[in-house]
Each structure stands twice: as C-alpha cells, then as structure tokens.
Amino acid sequence: MSERPSIEKEINDTKKTISAIEKDVKQLRDWISSNERTLPGMQETLRRITEEGLTRARTDLAQRETQLQELREVLAQHEKVLALLDQIERKEQDIARLEREQEKIIVLLERHQAELRQLQMSYAEVTQPVILPACELVLPDNQRIPLDARAGTYTIGWSDTTGGEVPDIDLHRVGGSTLGVSRKHALLRWVHQQWTITDLGSTNGTYVNDTAIVPHTPTALSDKTRLRLGNLMLFFRYITATTRL
C-alpha cells in the first residue's frame, strides 16, 4: 500500500528520537544522582547553586520522560498500523491466490458437468425402452399379418392338408400354390433395426417393387413396399395413423 513507506519512515524517525531522548534521560538521571550524593558536603554557596541546578534538571527530566512516553505511544500506534497493513497485504495475496484457484476450479467444474451430461445421455440411451416399429404384411384378401420384431424371422410359403412343414405365413388360402409361390419361398427377418426379405431359391422368384432380388441375399424393406412372390402380390408397410393403402 502507498501508506507503508511513510509509516515505515515515521517509525524509524521515532525510534531514533526515542533513542536520543533515552540517552538524555540517562545522562540527567546520572547527573542528578551524582549531585544528590555530593550535595551534603558542599559549601553553602555551591550547595544553593547545585540545588538550583538539580531543580532545573528534575524539571527537564520530567519533560523528557513525558516526551519519551508520548513518543513510545506514537511508535506503538505506528507499529500497530504497520502490522495491520501487513495483515491486509497477506489477506489480499490470499484472496488473489484463491481467485486464481477458483478460476481453475470453475473450468474443472464446467468440464465435469459436461462429462456428466454426456454420461447421463449415454445412460438414457442404453436404458430407455427400445421402441420397435409396428409393421405388417397385407395379403391379397386384405388380411393384415402383424410382424413382431421380437420374433425376428418369418418364413413365407404354403402348405396343404397332406402335411409337411408349415411356414409362419401360409399363402395357401390366398392361392399361393396356384400363383407360383414355392412351399418355402422367402424369409422375412428383422436385422440391424430393419426388416429384410430373402428369396430362399424359389422357383418363380421374389420381386421388390417389381425388381427381382438375388436369391439368398437379404434385401431391405422400406415403408409401402410392393412384394411379388411368383405371381402373388403382397404389401409391406409400417403401421402409422396416416398410412393408407
């Protein structure tokens, strides 16, 4: 602080003045003590002169002691002020250091808060329920067969009363056997969050939107896809409130 140099100078000057006065006081006390001891043996004339000198010396000593006491009080006050300045400066340094640390803490806090938000988002993504799209296959007679992604796969073909393996989606009732559908014609599968259709090496092939697909190769299905197995038409769609056939 700007007051420090002037206060330190006043302290030094006061200490010098006190030191000088203390010397004077000591000299006065020694002179008074010495003359008081020799006073009884002096001649009358010299005794009166000495007594007058002692009186002046005692008065001077009292003044010097009073001045010394005042200066010591002034010195104590200056030293108290200087000590307070020292405490203020140390406190200012502590505050400046804490403010620097606070800036670092704020940066760390913001970074950890951002990381926490990212972790919370990741947690929500991992733990939130998986909403599977509702899909269905529409047959020529407008029958709707819901497709459950949790089931995973559906075989498409036809079977009759003679026995044999029954496909998951049996097209015998809608003329599958007479319209070129093989008994094991195609496979619907939910994979990588999407429905696909795979031709199982059928006799008359499988078509997606009038395009023949490669046998044993999965083909992704989008909403409102036309499927043709042999000569039998099917319709694949996502079930929404606005879907119209």
C-alpha atoms as a PDB file:
ATOM      1  CA  MET A   1       0.000   0.000   0.000  1.00  0.00           C
ATOM      2  CA  SER A   2       1.090   3.638  -0.573  1.00  0.00           C
ATOM      3  CA  GLU A   3       0.979   4.429   3.190  1.00  0.00           C
ATOM      4  CA  ARG A   4       3.650   1.851   4.019  1.00  0.00           C
ATOM      5  CA  PRO A   5       6.789   3.862   3.065  1.00  0.00           C
ATOM      6  CA  SER A   6       5.695   6.954   5.040  1.00  0.00           C
ATOM      7  CA  ILE A   7       4.708   4.881   8.074  1.00  0.00           C
ATOM      8  CA  GLU A   8       7.987   2.965   7.993  1.00  0.00           C
ATOM      9  CA  LYS A   9       9.893   6.295   7.807  1.00  0.00           C
ATOM     10  CA  GLU A  10       7.936   7.676  10.757  1.00  0.00           C
ATOM     11  CA  ILE A  11       8.687   4.534  12.745  1.00  0.00           C
ATOM     12  CA  ASN A  12      12.410   4.785  12.006  1.00  0.00           C
ATOM     13  CA  ASP A  13      12.486   8.529  12.821  1.00  0.00           C
ATOM     14  CA  THR A  14      10.537   7.969  16.045  1.00  0.00           C
ATOM     15  CA  LYS A  15      12.883   5.196  17.121  1.00  0.00           C
ATOM     16  CA  LYS A  16      15.887   7.482  16.529  1.00  0.00           C
ATOM     17  CA  THR A  17      14.255  10.269  18.537  1.00  0.00           C
ATOM     18  CA  ILE A  18      13.378   7.859  21.359  1.00  0.00           C
ATOM     19  CA  SER A  19      16.947   6.565  21.406  1.00  0.00           C
ATOM     20  CA  ALA A  20      18.325  10.109  21.673  1.00  0.00           C
ATOM     21  CA  ILE A  21      15.908  11.081  24.430  1.00  0.00           C
ATOM     22  CA  GLU A  22      16.663   7.863  26.341  1.00  0.00           C
ATOM     23  CA  LYS A  23      20.335   8.863  26.306  1.00  0.00           C
ATOM     24  CA  ASP A  24      19.460  12.341  27.587  1.00  0.00           C
ATOM     25  CA  VAL A  25      17.254  10.850  30.318  1.00  0.00           C
ATOM     26  CA  LYS A  26      20.034   8.509  31.387  1.00  0.00           C
ATOM     27  CA  GLN A  27      22.538  11.347  31.496  1.00  0.00           C
ATOM     28  CA  LEU A  28      20.132  13.532  33.502  1.00  0.00           C
ATOM     29  CA  ARG A  29      19.423  10.737  35.963  1.00  0.00           C
ATOM     30  CA  ASP A  30      23.120  10.040  36.397  1.00  0.00           C
ATOM     31  CA  TRP A  31      23.884  13.758  36.907  1.00  0.00           C
ATOM     32  CA  ILE A  32      21.044  14.195  39.415  1.00  0.00           C
ATOM     33  CA  SER A  33      22.044  11.039  41.307  1.00  0.00           C
ATOM     34  CA  SER A  34      25.697  12.073  41.437  1.00  0.00           C
ATOM     35  CA  ASN A  35      24.995  15.609  42.629  1.00  0.00           C
ATOM     36  CA  GLU A  36      22.421  14.437  45.175  1.00  0.00           C
ATOM     37  CA  ARG A  37      25.116  12.253  46.746  1.00  0.00           C
ATOM     38  CA  THR A  38      27.676  15.081  46.931  1.00  0.00           C
ATOM     39  CA  LEU A  39      25.218  17.794  47.921  1.00  0.00           C
ATOM     40  CA  PRO A  40      25.536  17.396  51.767  1.00  0.00           C
ATOM     41  CA  GLY A  41      29.314  18.036  51.742  1.00  0.00           C
ATOM     42  CA  MET A  42      29.192  21.168  49.620  1.00  0.00           C
ATOM     43  CA  GLN A  43      29.714  24.695  50.810  1.00  0.00           C
ATOM     44  CA  GLU A  44      26.598  26.776  51.268  1.00  0.00           C
ATOM     45  CA  THR A  45      27.034  28.865  48.149  1.00  0.00           C
ATOM     46  CA  LEU A  46      27.872  25.866  45.950  1.00  0.00           C
ATOM     47  CA  ARG A  47      25.021  23.911  47.522  1.00  0.00           C
ATOM     48  CA  ARG A  48      22.457  26.572  46.560  1.00  0.00           C
ATOM     49  CA  ILE A  49      23.803  26.653  43.016  1.00  0.00           C
ATOM     50  CA  THR A  50      23.748  22.864  42.857  1.00  0.00           C
ATOM     51  CA  GLU A  51      20.212  22.676  44.255  1.00  0.00           C
ATOM     52  CA  GLU A  52      19.038  25.150  41.636  1.00  0.00           C
ATOM     53  CA  GLY A  53      20.716  23.023  39.016  1.00  0.00           C
ATOM     54  CA  LEU A  54      19.083  19.902  40.392  1.00  0.00           C
ATOM     55  CA  THR A  55      15.680  21.596  40.307  1.00  0.00           C
ATOM     56  CA  ARG A  56      16.111  22.515  36.654  1.00  0.00           C
ATOM     57  CA  ALA A  57      17.466  19.048  35.897  1.00  0.00           C
ATOM     58  CA  ARG A  58      14.493  17.340  37.567  1.00  0.00           C
ATOM     59  CA  THR A  59      12.085  19.566  35.589  1.00  0.00           C
ATOM     60  CA  ASP A  60      13.966  18.778  32.382  1.00  0.00           C
ATOM     61  CA  LEU A  61      13.962  15.064  33.256  1.00  0.00           C
ATOM     62  CA  ALA A  62      10.219  15.100  33.860  1.00  0.00           C
ATOM     63  CA  GLN A  63       9.654  16.802  30.499  1.00  0.00           C
ATOM     64  CA  ARG A  64      11.930  14.357  28.744  1.00  0.00           C
ATOM     65  CA  GLU A  65      10.238  11.369  30.359  1.00  0.00           C
ATOM     66  CA  THR A  66       6.827  12.745  29.365  1.00  0.00           C
ATOM     67  CA  GLN A  67       8.064  13.265  25.818  1.00  0.00           C
ATOM     68  CA  LEU A  68       9.552   9.772  25.833  1.00  0.00           C
ATOM     69  CA  GLN A  69       6.243   8.241  26.941  1.00  0.00           C
ATOM     70  CA  GLU A  70       4.358  10.134  24.219  1.00  0.00           C
ATOM     71  CA  LEU A  71       6.829   9.028  21.565  1.00  0.00           C
ATOM     72  CA  ARG A  72       6.579   5.434  22.705  1.00  0.00           C
ATOM     73  CA  GLU A  73       2.779   5.627  22.373  1.00  0.00           C
ATOM     74  CA  VAL A  74       3.167   7.136  18.901  1.00  0.00           C
ATOM     75  CA  LEU A  75       5.617   4.352  17.984  1.00  0.00           C
ATOM     76  CA  ALA A  76       3.247   1.684  19.267  1.00  0.00           C
ATOM     77  CA  GLN A  77       0.419   3.190  17.188  1.00  0.00           C
ATOM     78  CA  HIS A  78       2.584   3.278  14.040  1.00  0.00           C
ATOM     79  CA  GLU A  79       3.694  -0.318  14.589  1.00  0.00           C
ATOM     80  CA  LYS A  80       0.063  -1.363  15.067  1.00  0.00           C
ATOM     81  CA  VAL A  81      -0.896   0.349  11.799  1.00  0.00           C
ATOM     82  CA  LEU A  82       2.062  -1.304  10.024  1.00  0.00           C
ATOM     83  CA  ALA A  83       1.049  -4.708  11.401  1.00  0.00           C
ATOM     84  CA  LEU A  84      -2.470  -4.165  10.087  1.00  0.00           C
ATOM     85  CA  LEU A  85      -1.063  -3.219   6.681  1.00  0.00           C
ATOM     86  CA  ASP A  86       0.958  -6.451   6.710  1.00  0.00           C
ATOM     87  CA  GLN A  87      -2.181  -8.459   7.509  1.00  0.00           C
ATOM     88  CA  ILE A  88      -4.151  -6.649   4.789  1.00  0.00           C
ATOM     89  CA  GLU A  89      -1.455  -7.341   2.191  1.00  0.00           C
ATOM     90  CA  ARG A  90      -1.265 -11.024   3.166  1.00  0.00           C
ATOM     91  CA  LYS A  91      -5.044 -11.271   3.003  1.00  0.00           C
ATOM     92  CA  GLU A  92      -5.081  -9.624  -0.439  1.00  0.00           C
ATOM     93  CA  GLN A  93      -2.447 -12.112  -1.606  1.00  0.00           C
ATOM     94  CA  ASP A  94      -4.504 -15.000  -0.203  1.00  0.00           C
ATOM     95  CA  ILE A  95      -7.610 -13.723  -1.985  1.00  0.00           C
ATOM     96  CA  ALA A  96      -5.725 -13.312  -5.277  1.00  0.00           C
ATOM     97  CA  ARG A  97      -4.383 -16.873  -4.957  1.00  0.00           C
ATOM     98  CA  LEU A  98      -7.851 -18.233  -4.154  1.00  0.00           C
ATOM     99  CA  GLU A  99      -9.347 -16.348  -7.112  1.00  0.00           C
ATOM    100  CA  ARG A 100      -6.781 -17.965  -9.419  1.00  0.00           C
ATOM    101  CA  GLU A 101      -7.611 -21.347  -7.944  1.00  0.00           C
ATOM    102  CA  GLN A 102     -11.321 -20.542  -8.257  1.00  0.00           C
ATOM    103  CA  GLU A 103     -10.916 -19.940 -11.995  1.00  0.00           C
ATOM    104  CA  LYS A 104      -9.250 -23.332 -12.337  1.00  0.00           C
ATOM    105  CA  ILE A 105     -11.994 -24.950 -10.249  1.00  0.00           C
ATOM    106  CA  ILE A 106     -14.705 -23.325 -12.394  1.00  0.00           C
ATOM    107  CA  VAL A 107     -13.059 -24.678 -15.564  1.00  0.00           C
ATOM    108  CA  LEU A 108     -12.809 -28.142 -13.997  1.00  0.00           C
ATOM    109  CA  LEU A 109     -16.394 -27.923 -12.749  1.00  0.00           C
ATOM    110  CA  GLU A 110     -17.730 -26.986 -16.193  1.00  0.00           C
ATOM    111  CA  ARG A 111     -15.767 -29.821 -17.787  1.00  0.00           C
ATOM    112  CA  HIS A 112     -17.040 -32.368 -15.270  1.00  0.00           C
ATOM    113  CA  GLN A 113     -20.599 -31.057 -15.669  1.00  0.00           C
ATOM    114  CA  ALA A 114     -20.332 -31.514 -19.450  1.00  0.00           C
ATOM    115  CA  GLU A 115     -18.951 -35.023 -18.972  1.00  0.00           C
ATOM    116  CA  LEU A 116     -21.764 -35.796 -16.527  1.00  0.00           C
ATOM    117  CA  ARG A 117     -24.388 -34.637 -19.028  1.00  0.00           C
ATOM    118  CA  GLN A 118     -22.783 -36.827 -21.695  1.00  0.00           C
ATOM    119  CA  LEU A 119     -22.787 -39.814 -19.338  1.00  0.00           C
ATOM    120  CA  GLN A 120     -26.416 -39.173 -18.421  1.00  0.00           C
ATOM    121  CA  MET A 121     -27.348 -39.037 -22.116  1.00  0.00           C
ATOM    122  CA  SER A 122     -25.479 -42.284 -22.747  1.00  0.00           C
ATOM    123  CA  TYR A 123     -27.203 -43.867 -19.765  1.00  0.00           C
ATOM    124  CA  ALA A 124     -30.599 -42.754 -21.038  1.00  0.00           C
ATOM    125  CA  GLU A 125     -29.830 -44.167 -24.484  1.00  0.00           C
ATOM    126  CA  VAL A 126     -28.782 -47.505 -23.016  1.00  0.00           C
ATOM    127  CA  THR A 127     -31.605 -47.860 -20.507  1.00  0.00           C
ATOM    128  CA  GLN A 128     -34.547 -46.321 -22.338  1.00  0.00           C
ATOM    129  CA  PRO A 129     -37.054 -48.831 -23.708  1.00  0.00           C
ATOM    130  CA  VAL A 130     -36.425 -49.888 -27.300  1.00  0.00           C
ATOM    131  CA  ILE A 131     -39.423 -48.870 -29.370  1.00  0.00           C
ATOM    132  CA  LEU A 132     -39.796 -51.326 -32.216  1.00  0.00           C
ATOM    133  CA  PRO A 133     -41.673 -50.106 -35.281  1.00  0.00           C
ATOM    134  CA  ALA A 134     -45.032 -51.733 -35.884  1.00  0.00           C
ATOM    135  CA  CYS A 135     -45.080 -53.362 -39.327  1.00  0.00           C
ATOM    136  CA  GLU A 136     -47.456 -55.661 -41.160  1.00  0.00           C
ATOM    137  CA  LEU A 137     -47.786 -57.703 -44.300  1.00  0.00           C
ATOM    138  CA  VAL A 138     -51.036 -57.193 -46.246  1.00  0.00           C
ATOM    139  CA  LEU A 139     -52.315 -60.212 -48.219  1.00  0.00           C
ATOM    140  CA  PRO A 140     -54.379 -60.047 -51.442  1.00  0.00           C
ATOM    141  CA  ASP A 141     -57.612 -60.551 -49.478  1.00  0.00           C
ATOM    142  CA  ASN A 142     -56.654 -57.509 -47.345  1.00  0.00           C
ATOM    143  CA  GLN A 143     -55.783 -59.686 -44.355  1.00  0.00           C
ATOM    144  CA  ARG A 144     -53.127 -57.986 -42.241  1.00  0.00           C
ATOM    145  CA  ILE A 145     -50.417 -60.078 -40.637  1.00  0.00           C
ATOM    146  CA  PRO A 146     -48.557 -58.123 -37.912  1.00  0.00           C
ATOM    147  CA  LEU A 147     -44.790 -58.557 -37.886  1.00  0.00           C
ATOM    148  CA  ASP A 148     -43.190 -58.644 -34.429  1.00  0.00           C
ATOM    149  CA  ALA A 149     -39.537 -57.580 -34.472  1.00  0.00           C
ATOM    150  CA  ARG A 150     -39.002 -59.554 -31.260  1.00  0.00           C
ATOM    151  CA  ALA A 151     -39.849 -62.742 -33.134  1.00  0.00           C
ATOM    152  CA  GLY A 152     -37.074 -61.928 -35.565  1.00  0.00           C
ATOM    153  CA  THR A 153     -37.931 -64.145 -38.545  1.00  0.00           C
ATOM    154  CA  TYR A 154     -40.959 -65.275 -40.547  1.00  0.00           C
ATOM    155  CA  THR A 155     -40.897 -67.934 -43.262  1.00  0.00           C
ATOM    156  CA  ILE A 156     -43.267 -67.382 -46.202  1.00  0.00           C
ATOM    157  CA  GLY A 157     -44.662 -70.226 -48.328  1.00  0.00           C
ATOM    158  CA  TRP A 158     -47.664 -72.535 -48.348  1.00  0.00           C
ATOM    159  CA  SER A 159     -48.734 -75.874 -47.017  1.00  0.00           C
ATOM    160  CA  ASP A 160     -51.710 -78.185 -47.556  1.00  0.00           C
ATOM    161  CA  THR A 161     -53.514 -80.882 -45.674  1.00  0.00           C
ATOM    162  CA  THR A 162     -51.052 -83.548 -46.822  1.00  0.00           C
ATOM    163  CA  GLY A 163     -48.677 -82.447 -44.115  1.00  0.00           C
ATOM    164  CA  GLY A 164     -45.128 -81.188 -44.223  1.00  0.00           C
ATOM    165  CA  GLU A 165     -43.502 -78.137 -42.727  1.00  0.00           C
ATOM    166  CA  VAL A 166     -45.903 -75.242 -42.110  1.00  0.00           C
ATOM    167  CA  PRO A 167     -44.466 -71.751 -42.883  1.00  0.00           C
ATOM    168  CA  ASP A 168     -45.032 -68.874 -40.480  1.00  0.00           C
ATOM    169  CA  ILE A 169     -47.002 -67.041 -43.170  1.00  0.00           C
ATOM    170  CA  ASP A 170     -49.065 -69.583 -45.121  1.00  0.00           C
ATOM    171  CA  LEU A 171     -50.252 -68.286 -48.500  1.00  0.00           C
ATOM    172  CA  HIS A 172     -52.166 -71.432 -49.439  1.00  0.00           C
ATOM    173  CA  ARG A 173     -55.527 -69.831 -48.554  1.00  0.00           C
ATOM    174  CA  VAL A 174     -54.960 -66.900 -50.926  1.00  0.00           C
ATOM    175  CA  GLY A 175     -53.909 -69.095 -53.843  1.00  0.00           C
ATOM    176  CA  GLY A 176     -50.207 -69.356 -53.188  1.00  0.00           C
ATOM    177  CA  SER A 177     -49.987 -72.886 -54.586  1.00  0.00           C
ATOM    178  CA  THR A 178     -51.554 -71.868 -57.934  1.00  0.00           C
ATOM    179  CA  LEU A 179     -49.854 -68.462 -58.296  1.00  0.00           C
ATOM    180  CA  GLY A 180     -46.275 -69.726 -58.351  1.00  0.00           C
ATOM    181  CA  VAL A 181     -45.381 -69.499 -54.675  1.00  0.00           C
ATOM    182  CA  SER A 182     -42.923 -72.153 -53.529  1.00  0.00           C
ATOM    183  CA  ARG A 183     -43.583 -74.132 -50.351  1.00  0.00           C
ATOM    184  CA  LYS A 184     -40.516 -72.430 -48.823  1.00  0.00           C
ATOM    185  CA  HIS A 185     -40.414 -69.287 -50.867  1.00  0.00           C
ATOM    186  CA  ALA A 186     -38.922 -66.393 -48.792  1.00  0.00           C
ATOM    187  CA  LEU A 187     -37.798 -65.295 -45.365  1.00  0.00           C
ATOM    188  CA  LEU A 188     -38.665 -62.052 -43.570  1.00  0.00           C
ATOM    189  CA  ARG A 189     -36.048 -61.088 -40.960  1.00  0.00           C
ATOM    190  CA  TRP A 190     -35.577 -58.183 -38.524  1.00  0.00           C
ATOM    191  CA  VAL A 191     -31.870 -57.318 -38.568  1.00  0.00           C
ATOM    192  CA  HIS A 192     -29.967 -54.124 -37.767  1.00  0.00           C
ATOM    193  CA  GLN A 193     -33.179 -52.292 -36.858  1.00  0.00           C
ATOM    194  CA  GLN A 194     -34.733 -53.055 -40.267  1.00  0.00           C
ATOM    195  CA  TRP A 195     -36.890 -55.681 -41.952  1.00  0.00           C
ATOM    196  CA  THR A 196     -35.356 -57.592 -44.850  1.00  0.00           C
ATOM    197  CA  ILE A 197     -36.647 -60.227 -47.267  1.00  0.00           C
ATOM    198  CA  THR A 198     -34.567 -63.083 -48.617  1.00  0.00           C
ATOM    199  CA  ASP A 199     -35.576 -65.344 -51.501  1.00  0.00           C
ATOM    200  CA  LEU A 200     -34.957 -68.973 -50.476  1.00  0.00           C
ATOM    201  CA  GLY A 201     -34.199 -70.176 -54.003  1.00  0.00           C
ATOM    202  CA  SER A 202     -37.853 -70.225 -55.060  1.00  0.00           C
ATOM    203  CA  THR A 203     -38.934 -71.496 -58.473  1.00  0.00           C
ATOM    204  CA  ASN A 204     -40.577 -68.269 -59.690  1.00  0.00           C
ATOM    205  CA  GLY A 205     -38.509 -65.697 -57.755  1.00  0.00           C
ATOM    206  CA  THR A 206     -39.244 -62.814 -55.427  1.00  0.00           C
ATOM    207  CA  TYR A 207     -39.714 -59.204 -56.540  1.00  0.00           C
ATOM    208  CA  VAL A 208     -39.404 -55.994 -54.530  1.00  0.00           C
ATOM    209  CA  ASN A 209     -41.256 -53.126 -56.227  1.00  0.00           C
ATOM    210  CA  ASP A 210     -41.166 -55.140 -59.484  1.00  0.00           C
ATOM    211  CA  THR A 211     -37.411 -55.767 -59.259  1.00  0.00           C
ATOM    212  CA  ALA A 212     -36.226 -59.347 -58.895  1.00  0.00           C
ATOM    213  CA  ILE A 213     -33.947 -59.881 -55.921  1.00  0.00           C
ATOM    214  CA  VAL A 214     -30.936 -62.171 -55.823  1.00  0.00           C
ATOM    215  CA  PRO A 215     -31.706 -65.495 -54.115  1.00  0.00           C
ATOM    216  CA  HIS A 216     -30.279 -65.996 -50.618  1.00  0.00           C
ATOM    217  CA  THR A 217     -29.359 -62.302 -50.412  1.00  0.00           C
ATOM    218  CA  PRO A 218     -31.229 -60.118 -47.864  1.00  0.00           C
ATOM    219  CA  THR A 219     -32.938 -57.038 -49.323  1.00  0.00           C
ATOM    220  CA  ALA A 220     -34.021 -54.171 -47.045  1.00  0.00           C
ATOM    221  CA  LEU A 221     -37.697 -53.240 -46.994  1.00  0.00           C
ATOM    222  CA  SER A 222     -38.954 -49.675 -46.672  1.00  0.00           C
ATOM    223  CA  ASP A 223     -42.431 -48.438 -45.897  1.00  0.00           C
ATOM    224  CA  LYS A 224     -45.113 -49.167 -48.544  1.00  0.00           C
ATOM    225  CA  THR A 225     -43.070 -51.779 -50.416  1.00  0.00           C
ATOM    226  CA  ARG A 226     -44.768 -53.984 -53.018  1.00  0.00           C
ATOM    227  CA  LEU A 227     -43.739 -57.631 -52.901  1.00  0.00           C
ATOM    228  CA  ARG A 228     -44.412 -60.265 -55.533  1.00  0.00           C
ATOM    229  CA  LEU A 229     -43.812 -63.919 -54.804  1.00  0.00           C
ATOM    230  CA  GLY A 230     -44.277 -65.738 -58.081  1.00  0.00           C
ATOM    231  CA  ASN A 231     -47.494 -64.060 -59.283  1.00  0.00           C
ATOM    232  CA  LEU A 232     -48.961 -63.322 -55.849  1.00  0.00           C
ATOM    233  CA  MET A 233     -48.893 -59.693 -54.725  1.00  0.00           C
ATOM    234  CA  LEU A 234     -48.216 -58.657 -51.112  1.00  0.00           C
ATOM    235  CA  PHE A 235     -47.807 -55.273 -49.474  1.00  0.00           C
ATOM    236  CA  PHE A 236     -45.337 -54.398 -46.679  1.00  0.00           C
ATOM    237  CA  ARG A 237     -45.913 -51.296 -44.588  1.00  0.00           C
ATOM    238  CA  TYR A 238     -45.187 -49.523 -41.299  1.00  0.00           C
ATOM    239  CA  ILE A 239     -48.340 -49.056 -39.261  1.00  0.00           C
ATOM    240  CA  THR A 240     -48.959 -45.356 -38.651  1.00  0.00           C
ATOM    241  CA  ALA A 241     -52.063 -43.253 -38.158  1.00  0.00           C
ATOM    242  CA  THR A 242     -51.724 -41.769 -41.657  1.00  0.00           C
ATOM    243  CA  THR A 243     -50.873 -44.921 -43.618  1.00  0.00           C
ATOM    244  CA  ARG A 244     -53.331 -45.595 -46.407  1.00  0.00           C
ATOM    245  CA  LEU A 245     -53.362 -48.492 -48.820  1.00  0.00           C
END
